[in-house]
Each structure stands twice: as structure tokens, then as C-alpha cells.
Amino acid sequence: MGYQIILDRDQDGRRIDRAIRSIWPQLPLSAVMKALRKGDIRLDGKKVREPGTRIYSGQELYTPWPRELELKPQENININKFKKDLEILWRGDGAIVINKPAGLLVQPDVKHGDSVITRLWAMLDVNNNNLFKPAAVHRLDRNTTGVLIAALHGDSLRELELLFKAHNLKKIYRAIVTGHAPEFIEINAPLIKDADLNIVKVANNLTHDVNPNVKTAITHCKLIKYDKAKDISLVEIELLTGRTHQARVHMAHIHHAILGDRKYGDFKINKIFNKINRPLLHAYKLIFPDNLPRAISELSNKTFTAPMPEDFILN
């Protein structure tokens, strides 16, 4: 006996092969491809053979598999062990904004491990019966604090991912850096990741034409406050591009490394401030543009600000 379902907003705009595997996560991809080739999958009564076919809310999907597949038992998410507090800055219909704490990964590094997302699932009582599970739209490093947005529905996730990919919103960070930072500086320094050393470097004398792994990276930095006695500055950083470790690498590049950064920072200065046990980088503000698509229209022209963490020694 097959299964018939009216698609909802969580599947709106998705490829049919990916949607099917979200409904049956244990179903092998080969089984999905075989069913498509044989014409066993129908959309609004018509056979579908292309795995890239887009599906939309309100359509009727028929597949040859029952809703509950008798495959190997799927490990349930033990949500109770993750019922720990997350500070919620805002919650709408399609998205939720979280003030991420330090020391917590956005995604688990082991199956069902502790993370922002598994804690969010616990808060929302998500389990394996949910066809869509809330998902983080962007990433913050384990020890970076501040504004993090997660999507609560599939259509809002896809629109938010497009928005972030196009850099059509403002991401403002605050950081404590070494020395007397300039009043304002634009840092235009392309970056390249060294996979062997697992670090990001400024790609001196390299361009994308020379090496396709080189990525354009532009950062704006302005001074908020300088502490002459400690010779450190509180700065505001706007990332015009979203590269891995961009703020940390760019600030080190201009000789104003982020305090507490053991990978890209100043070892001698970090040793002086030995009570600082993480890079003092905070995702301070996320500013959304106006006239956003329907699925995320509630975020139009909104600004979300995360309060400064207690371990910042300049506020």
C-alpha cells in the first residue's frame, strides 16, 4: 500500500527527491531513483521521473511506500537531556532568533550531541515524526556569542538561505582587539583556507583566477572605545562577505587581533589577559532589508540585537 500526502509549506519549492528522503529518512537514495524511473511516484496524479522536479504547497504527492517503513529502527532523539535554556530574542511564525552562548556548537559534532539546534529541538518538542526539523540558517563559531537565526519551516529556511547567500542583510559584530584600533578601516583582503593546517589565511598576491579557492573578503571596522591603560579597543565589525573566520583573520591581518583568539591572535598579549578563555567576538546585530518574500515577510525591516556578554571587559 502506498502513501498519499498533501504537501505543506515545509516542502514548498523543494526538489522531489530531497522531499521524499525527508519524509522517509531511512529510505536509500537508490530506492527513490528506481521508483522515479519506473513512474511509481505521482504528483497531482501525473507520473514524475525527474529527481530535480520542484514541488509546491498544496500539491498531492503519491509514493509506493507506506508512511511507516519497516526498516532498521531509527534512533530516537532523546530530547529530555537537551532541555537547557536558550535565550530567545524573538520568535515569529517562520523563524526564531537566539542569543547564542559561548562554548556551544550551532550543530552537533556527534549524532544527537549537545548544540544550539538540539537544544532548540528539545524546547520545541521536535521528534522523529516531524517531517521538518528547525534548522540554523547561518553559523557562528563554538566560542562566538550573539545573534543566531533558525528557520521553523522549510519555505522560510530556503528564503533565508538565499538572503544570506546574496549578502542582502547586515551582520554587525563587536570585538575586543589588541592596540588602538583606527577610527574606521575597510579591510579588503582575499582569503584562502589551508585544509592541511585547518586555518584561513590572507591570500597575498593570489586571485581567484590564479587559485579558485581564493575568496573575496571585505570587512568594515570602526572604533567604539579605546582603553589606553590596557591598550585594547572595543570595535564594531561589519562583514560585507561571509567567509569562514573572516573577522578573526582580517583583524589579525591589520595587527589588531581579537583578544583571546588562540588560533589567529597575539600569543604574548593573550598570555597577559590569561583569564580570557575565548576569542572576544560577539554577533551583535542582524539587520534585515525591507520587502522580503512572503515566507519571511515578517522579518522585513527588522533589527535584532544581542546584549553584550559578561566576559567582555570593555562595554
Protein backbone atom coordinates (compact mmCIF):
# COMPACT_ATOMS: atom_id res chain seq x y z
CA MET A 1 0.00 0.00 0.00
CA GLY A 2 1.36 3.39 -0.98
CA TYR A 3 1.16 6.74 0.73
CA GLN A 4 -0.63 9.89 -0.33
CA ILE A 5 0.07 13.30 1.19
CA ILE A 6 -0.91 16.91 0.53
CA LEU A 7 2.33 18.86 0.60
CA ASP A 8 2.65 21.74 3.05
CA ARG A 9 4.89 24.80 3.32
CA ASP A 10 7.80 22.79 4.68
CA GLN A 11 8.16 21.11 1.28
CA ASP A 12 7.29 24.14 -0.86
CA GLY A 13 9.86 24.70 -3.60
CA ARG A 14 11.97 21.62 -2.82
CA ARG A 15 13.29 19.00 -5.22
CA ILE A 16 11.04 15.96 -5.12
CA ASP A 17 13.89 13.54 -4.37
CA ARG A 18 15.01 15.56 -1.33
CA ALA A 19 11.45 15.95 -0.07
CA ILE A 20 10.84 12.21 -0.26
CA ARG A 21 14.01 11.49 1.70
CA SER A 22 12.96 13.96 4.41
CA ILE A 23 9.67 12.08 4.79
CA TRP A 24 11.47 8.70 4.74
CA PRO A 25 14.99 9.50 6.04
CA GLN A 26 15.98 5.82 6.12
CA LEU A 27 14.96 5.15 2.53
CA PRO A 28 18.03 4.52 0.33
CA LEU A 29 18.55 7.04 -2.46
CA SER A 30 18.72 4.14 -4.91
CA ALA A 31 15.14 3.17 -4.00
CA VAL A 32 13.93 6.72 -4.67
CA MET A 33 15.70 6.81 -8.06
CA LYS A 34 14.29 3.41 -9.02
CA ALA A 35 10.73 4.47 -8.13
CA LEU A 36 11.12 7.64 -10.21
CA ARG A 37 12.44 5.70 -13.23
CA LYS A 38 9.52 3.24 -13.03
CA GLY A 39 6.95 6.05 -12.77
CA ASP A 40 5.80 4.89 -9.33
CA ILE A 41 5.79 8.43 -7.94
CA ARG A 42 3.00 10.79 -8.91
CA LEU A 43 2.39 14.48 -8.38
CA ASP A 44 -1.24 15.60 -8.73
CA GLY A 45 -1.89 12.28 -10.43
CA LYS A 46 0.90 12.62 -13.01
CA LYS A 47 3.98 10.43 -13.08
CA VAL A 48 7.21 12.15 -12.12
CA ARG A 49 10.51 10.81 -13.42
CA GLU A 50 12.96 13.67 -12.87
CA PRO A 51 14.54 13.82 -9.36
CA GLY A 52 15.00 17.60 -9.71
CA THR A 53 11.28 18.29 -10.19
CA ARG A 54 10.15 21.11 -7.90
CA ILE A 55 7.13 20.54 -5.68
CA TYR A 56 4.82 23.11 -4.13
CA SER A 57 2.49 23.51 -1.18
CA GLY A 58 -0.99 22.15 -1.89
CA GLN A 59 0.09 19.53 -4.42
CA GLU A 60 -0.80 15.87 -3.87
CA LEU A 61 2.17 13.51 -3.72
CA TYR A 62 1.76 9.75 -4.11
CA THR A 63 4.57 7.26 -3.45
CA PRO A 64 4.65 3.45 -3.39
CA TRP A 65 5.86 3.29 0.21
CA PRO A 66 3.67 3.26 3.33
CA ARG A 67 4.13 6.11 5.80
CA GLU A 68 5.89 3.81 8.26
CA LEU A 69 8.69 1.81 6.68
CA GLU A 70 9.76 -1.44 8.35
CA LEU A 71 13.46 -0.74 8.14
CA LYS A 72 16.07 -0.92 10.85
CA PRO A 73 14.83 1.01 13.90
CA GLN A 74 15.66 4.69 13.77
CA GLU A 75 17.36 6.08 16.84
CA ASN A 76 15.01 8.45 18.61
CA ILE A 77 16.19 11.87 19.71
CA ASN A 78 16.32 11.91 23.49
CA ILE A 79 15.11 15.48 23.78
CA ASN A 80 14.93 15.50 27.57
CA LYS A 81 18.69 15.59 28.03
CA PHE A 82 18.90 18.79 25.95
CA LYS A 83 16.20 20.75 27.76
CA LYS A 84 18.54 23.54 28.73
CA ASP A 85 17.88 27.23 28.47
CA LEU A 86 18.42 29.17 25.27
CA GLU A 87 17.83 32.90 25.35
CA ILE A 88 15.19 33.69 22.72
CA LEU A 89 15.39 37.22 21.33
CA TRP A 90 12.36 36.90 19.05
CA ARG A 91 10.05 34.24 17.67
CA GLY A 92 7.82 34.52 14.64
CA ASP A 93 5.86 32.08 12.53
CA GLY A 94 8.73 31.04 10.27
CA ALA A 95 11.87 31.87 12.22
CA ILE A 96 13.34 32.19 15.69
CA VAL A 97 16.24 34.39 16.84
CA ILE A 98 18.54 33.09 19.57
CA ASN A 99 21.28 34.72 21.65
CA LYS A 100 23.90 32.00 21.29
CA PRO A 101 26.07 31.37 24.37
CA ALA A 102 29.82 30.79 24.26
CA GLY A 103 31.15 27.23 24.22
CA LEU A 104 28.23 25.72 22.33
CA LEU A 105 28.29 24.46 18.74
CA VAL A 106 25.48 25.51 16.41
CA GLN A 107 25.22 21.96 15.03
CA PRO A 108 26.15 18.80 16.96
CA ASP A 109 29.58 17.35 16.12
CA VAL A 110 28.37 13.85 17.02
CA LYS A 111 24.98 12.30 16.36
CA HIS A 112 22.41 13.86 18.70
CA GLY A 113 25.16 15.73 20.57
CA ASP A 114 24.61 18.93 22.52
CA SER A 115 24.28 22.04 20.35
CA VAL A 116 22.08 25.07 19.77
CA ILE A 117 19.95 23.10 17.33
CA THR A 118 19.42 20.03 19.54
CA ARG A 119 18.50 22.32 22.43
CA LEU A 120 16.07 24.15 20.15
CA TRP A 121 14.50 20.83 19.13
CA ALA A 122 14.09 19.99 22.81
CA MET A 123 12.45 23.35 23.53
CA LEU A 124 10.01 22.84 20.65
CA ASP A 125 9.43 19.12 21.41
CA VAL A 126 10.68 18.07 17.99
CA ASN A 127 10.94 14.31 17.39
CA ASN A 128 11.39 11.83 14.54
CA ASN A 129 7.76 12.24 13.50
CA ASN A 130 8.37 15.81 12.40
CA LEU A 131 8.79 15.98 8.63
CA PHE A 132 10.77 19.19 9.03
CA LYS A 133 13.09 19.98 11.92
CA PRO A 134 14.07 23.59 12.71
CA ALA A 135 17.44 24.40 11.19
CA ALA A 136 20.11 27.06 11.65
CA VAL A 137 20.36 29.43 8.69
CA HIS A 138 23.96 30.50 9.32
CA ARG A 139 26.88 29.53 11.53
CA LEU A 140 28.77 31.01 14.44
CA ASP A 141 31.97 29.50 15.84
CA ARG A 142 31.67 27.49 19.06
CA ASN A 143 33.03 30.36 21.18
CA THR A 144 31.33 33.23 19.33
CA THR A 145 28.27 34.60 21.10
CA GLY A 146 25.28 36.53 19.83
CA VAL A 147 22.50 36.69 17.27
CA LEU A 148 21.71 33.41 15.53
CA ILE A 149 18.62 32.81 13.40
CA ALA A 150 16.97 29.44 12.81
CA ALA A 151 14.12 28.60 10.45
CA LEU A 152 10.99 26.92 11.75
CA HIS A 153 9.60 25.89 8.35
CA GLY A 154 11.04 24.68 5.09
CA ASP A 155 9.92 27.62 2.96
CA SER A 156 11.40 30.17 5.36
CA LEU A 157 14.66 28.18 5.52
CA ARG A 158 15.08 28.27 1.75
CA GLU A 159 14.32 32.00 1.50
CA LEU A 160 16.66 32.85 4.39
CA GLU A 161 19.47 30.79 2.87
CA LEU A 162 19.10 32.74 -0.38
CA LEU A 163 19.13 36.02 1.55
CA PHE A 164 22.35 35.14 3.39
CA LYS A 165 24.00 33.78 0.24
CA ALA A 166 23.31 37.06 -1.60
CA HIS A 167 24.60 39.08 1.41
CA ASN A 168 21.37 41.09 1.37
CA LEU A 169 21.39 41.79 5.10
CA LYS A 170 23.80 43.42 7.53
CA LYS A 171 25.85 41.38 10.01
CA ILE A 172 27.40 43.53 12.73
CA TYR A 173 29.85 42.10 15.27
CA ARG A 174 31.56 43.59 18.28
CA ALA A 175 35.01 42.54 19.43
CA ILE A 176 37.79 43.39 21.84
CA VAL A 177 41.02 43.77 19.88
CA THR A 178 44.62 44.50 20.76
CA GLY A 179 46.05 48.00 20.47
CA HIS A 180 44.46 51.31 19.47
CA ALA A 181 42.23 50.41 16.53
CA PRO A 182 41.71 53.01 13.76
CA GLU A 183 38.58 55.16 13.80
CA PHE A 184 37.49 53.38 10.62
CA ILE A 185 39.12 50.99 8.18
CA GLU A 186 37.98 48.89 5.23
CA ILE A 187 39.86 45.60 5.05
CA ASN A 188 39.79 44.20 1.53
CA ALA A 189 41.93 41.10 1.73
CA PRO A 190 41.02 37.86 -0.09
CA LEU A 191 41.11 34.68 1.99
CA ILE A 192 42.09 31.09 1.34
CA LYS A 193 41.65 28.06 3.56
CA ASP A 194 44.63 25.80 4.27
CA ALA A 195 42.91 22.44 4.62
CA ASP A 196 46.04 20.70 5.91
CA LEU A 197 46.51 23.13 8.80
CA ASN A 198 42.77 23.84 9.16
CA ILE A 199 43.31 27.61 9.17
CA VAL A 200 42.30 30.52 6.97
CA LYS A 201 44.95 32.86 5.59
CA VAL A 202 45.08 36.13 3.70
CA ALA A 203 45.80 35.17 0.09
CA ASN A 204 48.71 37.52 -0.58
CA ASN A 205 49.34 38.09 -4.31
CA LEU A 206 46.70 35.50 -5.23
CA THR A 207 43.41 35.95 -7.05
CA HIS A 208 40.50 33.66 -7.89
CA ASP A 209 41.87 33.45 -11.43
CA VAL A 210 45.16 32.06 -10.12
CA ASN A 211 43.60 29.82 -7.46
CA PRO A 212 39.82 29.11 -7.46
CA ASN A 213 39.93 28.56 -3.68
CA VAL A 214 40.69 32.25 -3.10
CA LYS A 215 37.58 34.09 -1.87
CA THR A 216 36.94 37.82 -1.88
CA ALA A 217 36.56 39.12 1.68
CA ILE A 218 35.67 42.66 2.76
CA THR A 219 35.32 43.88 6.35
CA HIS A 220 34.50 47.30 7.78
CA CYS A 221 35.79 48.09 11.26
CA LYS A 222 35.16 51.18 13.38
CA LEU A 223 36.40 52.11 16.83
CA ILE A 224 33.90 52.40 19.67
CA LYS A 225 36.19 52.79 22.68
CA TYR A 226 39.92 52.63 23.43
CA ASP A 227 41.30 51.69 26.85
CA LYS A 228 44.73 53.31 26.97
CA ALA A 229 45.74 51.65 30.26
CA LYS A 230 45.13 48.15 28.88
CA ASP A 231 45.94 49.07 25.26
CA ILE A 232 42.85 47.32 23.92
CA SER A 233 39.89 48.55 21.87
CA LEU A 234 36.21 47.79 21.57
CA VAL A 235 35.35 47.77 17.86
CA GLU A 236 32.34 47.21 15.68
CA ILE A 237 32.88 44.95 12.68
CA GLU A 238 30.61 44.66 9.65
CA LEU A 239 31.15 41.65 7.42
CA LEU A 240 30.31 42.55 3.83
CA THR A 241 31.15 38.98 2.85
CA GLY A 242 30.66 35.87 4.93
CA ARG A 243 33.87 33.86 4.86
CA THR A 244 35.00 31.33 7.46
CA HIS A 245 36.83 33.08 10.34
CA GLN A 246 36.74 36.33 8.34
CA ALA A 247 36.58 38.74 11.27
CA ARG A 248 39.34 36.93 13.18
CA VAL A 249 41.72 36.70 10.22
CA HIS A 250 41.12 40.25 8.99
CA MET A 251 41.65 41.81 12.42
CA ALA A 252 44.89 39.87 12.87
CA HIS A 253 45.91 40.98 9.37
CA ILE A 254 45.77 44.67 10.38
CA HIS A 255 47.66 43.90 13.63
CA HIS A 256 44.63 44.34 15.89
CA ALA A 257 43.94 40.69 16.67
CA ILE A 258 40.86 39.68 18.62
CA LEU A 259 41.72 39.24 22.28
CA GLY A 260 41.68 35.61 23.43
CA ASP A 261 41.99 34.21 19.91
CA ARG A 262 44.46 31.34 20.22
CA LYS A 263 44.45 30.48 16.52
CA TYR A 264 44.92 33.89 14.90
CA GLY A 265 45.65 36.14 17.88
CA ASP A 266 48.69 37.55 19.64
CA PHE A 267 50.14 34.90 21.97
CA LYS A 268 52.02 37.35 24.20
CA ILE A 269 49.03 39.63 24.73
CA ASN A 270 46.69 36.69 25.28
CA LYS A 271 49.06 35.49 27.99
CA ILE A 272 48.74 38.84 29.79
CA PHE A 273 44.94 38.55 29.69
CA ASN A 274 45.07 34.92 30.77
CA LYS A 275 41.57 34.91 32.27
CA ILE A 276 40.10 35.40 28.81
CA ASN A 277 39.43 31.86 27.58
CA ARG A 278 37.81 32.53 24.21
CA PRO A 279 38.05 34.99 21.31
CA LEU A 280 36.05 38.05 22.43
CA LEU A 281 33.84 38.16 19.34
CA HIS A 282 30.11 38.79 19.58
CA ALA A 283 27.48 38.69 16.81
CA TYR A 284 25.92 41.94 17.96
CA LYS A 285 23.30 42.81 15.38
CA LEU A 286 21.45 41.37 12.39
CA ILE A 287 19.63 43.89 10.16
CA PHE A 288 17.10 42.67 7.60
CA PRO A 289 16.09 44.61 4.47
CA ASP A 290 12.55 45.61 3.57
CA ASN A 291 10.13 43.89 1.17
CA LEU A 292 11.22 40.32 1.83
CA PRO A 293 9.44 37.36 0.13
CA ARG A 294 6.17 36.07 1.58
CA ALA A 295 7.70 33.18 3.54
CA ILE A 296 9.93 35.57 5.52
CA SER A 297 7.97 38.82 5.18
CA GLU A 298 7.64 39.02 8.97
CA LEU A 299 11.37 39.76 9.12
CA SER A 300 11.17 42.74 6.77
CA ASN A 301 12.99 45.80 8.11
CA LYS A 302 13.63 44.13 11.46
CA THR A 303 16.81 44.52 13.52
CA PHE A 304 17.86 42.02 16.19
CA THR A 305 20.45 42.94 18.81
CA ALA A 306 22.05 40.58 21.32
CA PRO A 307 23.13 42.09 24.66
CA MET A 308 26.86 42.19 25.25
CA PRO A 309 28.18 39.12 27.13
CA GLU A 310 29.53 39.48 30.65
CA ASP A 311 33.07 38.44 29.77
CA PHE A 312 33.61 41.48 27.52
CA ILE A 313 35.97 43.68 29.52
CA LEU A 314 35.03 46.80 27.58
CA ASN A 315 31.32 47.53 27.22
